[in-house]
């Protein structure tokens, strides 16, 4: 039997990313549209708009945060 290892937040994120909205909805007995809404909210919370905008408010498409 393999050695037991601790589970960290990345493992949970990977697991949730691999499941479909329908699978999560069935697991938690909730409507699929609510799961989809939760995923969108989580993505929005993880995105930091201040990193993606230039000082003048324009979008920085270079991806490195520089102009």
C-alpha atoms as a PDB file:
ATOM      1  CA  UNK A   1       0.000   0.000   0.000  1.00  0.00           C
ATOM      2  CA  UNK A   2       1.428   3.437  -0.911  1.00  0.00           C
ATOM      3  CA  UNK A   3       2.450   5.872   1.773  1.00  0.00           C
ATOM      4  CA  UNK A   4      -0.247   8.299   2.766  1.00  0.00           C
ATOM      5  CA  UNK A   5       0.388  11.923   1.809  1.00  0.00           C
ATOM      6  CA  UNK A   6      -1.334  15.095   2.862  1.00  0.00           C
ATOM      7  CA  UNK A   7      -3.824  16.743   0.580  1.00  0.00           C
ATOM      8  CA  UNK A   8      -3.326  20.420  -0.089  1.00  0.00           C
ATOM      9  CA  UNK A   9      -5.438  23.142  -1.670  1.00  0.00           C
ATOM     10  CA  UNK A  10      -3.990  22.495  -5.135  1.00  0.00           C
ATOM     11  CA  UNK A  11      -5.155  18.879  -4.972  1.00  0.00           C
ATOM     12  CA  UNK A  12      -8.696  20.034  -4.209  1.00  0.00           C
ATOM     13  CA  UNK A  13      -8.578  22.619  -7.007  1.00  0.00           C
ATOM     14  CA  UNK A  14      -7.342  19.957  -9.454  1.00  0.00           C
ATOM     15  CA  UNK A  15     -10.101  17.571  -8.405  1.00  0.00           C
ATOM     16  CA  UNK A  16     -12.827  20.192  -8.765  1.00  0.00           C
ATOM     17  CA  UNK A  17     -11.435  21.279 -12.135  1.00  0.00           C
ATOM     18  CA  UNK A  18     -11.577  17.707 -13.396  1.00  0.00           C
ATOM     19  CA  UNK A  19     -15.257  17.278 -12.471  1.00  0.00           C
ATOM     20  CA  UNK A  20     -18.058  18.594 -14.647  1.00  0.00           C
ATOM     21  CA  UNK A  21     -20.672  20.982 -13.303  1.00  0.00           C
ATOM     22  CA  UNK A  22     -23.187  18.141 -13.544  1.00  0.00           C
ATOM     23  CA  UNK A  23     -21.014  15.785 -11.466  1.00  0.00           C
ATOM     24  CA  UNK A  24     -20.544  18.397  -8.744  1.00  0.00           C
ATOM     25  CA  UNK A  25     -24.263  19.231  -8.797  1.00  0.00           C
ATOM     26  CA  UNK A  26     -25.156  15.572  -8.328  1.00  0.00           C
ATOM     27  CA  UNK A  27     -22.600  15.152  -5.559  1.00  0.00           C
ATOM     28  CA  UNK A  28     -23.949  18.115  -3.582  1.00  0.00           C
ATOM     29  CA  UNK A  29     -27.621  17.758  -4.613  1.00  0.00           C
ATOM     30  CA  UNK A  30     -27.816  21.215  -6.120  1.00  0.00           C
ATOM     31  CA  UNK A  31     -28.848  22.593  -9.505  1.00  0.00           C
ATOM     32  CA  UNK A  32     -26.181  22.536 -12.199  1.00  0.00           C
ATOM     33  CA  UNK A  33     -26.716  26.266 -12.901  1.00  0.00           C
ATOM     34  CA  UNK A  34     -25.768  27.070  -9.284  1.00  0.00           C
ATOM     35  CA  UNK A  35     -22.531  25.121  -9.655  1.00  0.00           C
ATOM     36  CA  UNK A  36     -21.760  27.026 -12.869  1.00  0.00           C
ATOM     37  CA  UNK A  37     -22.427  30.322 -11.071  1.00  0.00           C
ATOM     38  CA  UNK A  38     -20.142  29.314  -8.191  1.00  0.00           C
ATOM     39  CA  UNK A  39     -17.342  28.464 -10.624  1.00  0.00           C
ATOM     40  CA  UNK A  40     -17.689  31.875 -12.296  1.00  0.00           C
ATOM     41  CA  UNK A  41     -17.623  33.628  -8.915  1.00  0.00           C
ATOM     42  CA  UNK A  42     -14.531  31.697  -7.860  1.00  0.00           C
ATOM     43  CA  UNK A  43     -12.718  32.512 -11.095  1.00  0.00           C
ATOM     44  CA  UNK A  44     -13.599  36.181 -10.673  1.00  0.00           C
ATOM     45  CA  UNK A  45     -12.357  36.156  -7.078  1.00  0.00           C
ATOM     46  CA  UNK A  46      -9.062  34.571  -8.135  1.00  0.00           C
ATOM     47  CA  UNK A  47      -8.489  37.149 -10.876  1.00  0.00           C
ATOM     48  CA  UNK A  48      -6.721  40.319  -9.778  1.00  0.00           C
ATOM     49  CA  UNK A  49      -7.778  43.088 -12.163  1.00  0.00           C
ATOM     50  CA  UNK A  50      -5.098  45.418 -10.822  1.00  0.00           C
ATOM     51  CA  UNK A  51      -2.440  43.110 -12.296  1.00  0.00           C
ATOM     52  CA  UNK A  52      -4.058  43.106 -15.726  1.00  0.00           C
ATOM     53  CA  UNK A  53      -4.508  46.828 -16.222  1.00  0.00           C
ATOM     54  CA  UNK A  54      -2.098  49.592 -17.025  1.00  0.00           C
ATOM     55  CA  UNK A  55      -1.946  52.680 -14.788  1.00  0.00           C
ATOM     56  CA  UNK A  56      -4.166  54.603 -17.227  1.00  0.00           C
ATOM     57  CA  UNK A  57      -6.823  51.881 -16.935  1.00  0.00           C
ATOM     58  CA  UNK A  58      -6.067  50.265 -20.275  1.00  0.00           C
ATOM     59  CA  UNK A  59      -5.675  46.530 -20.677  1.00  0.00           C
ATOM     60  CA  UNK A  60      -2.148  45.196 -20.847  1.00  0.00           C
ATOM     61  CA  UNK A  61      -2.212  42.431 -23.433  1.00  0.00           C
ATOM     62  CA  UNK A  62       1.479  41.587 -23.075  1.00  0.00           C
ATOM     63  CA  UNK A  63       0.736  39.394 -20.058  1.00  0.00           C
ATOM     64  CA  UNK A  64       3.822  40.522 -18.157  1.00  0.00           C
ATOM     65  CA  UNK A  65       2.279  43.574 -16.491  1.00  0.00           C
ATOM     66  CA  UNK A  66       4.553  46.007 -18.274  1.00  0.00           C
ATOM     67  CA  UNK A  67       3.699  48.570 -20.950  1.00  0.00           C
END
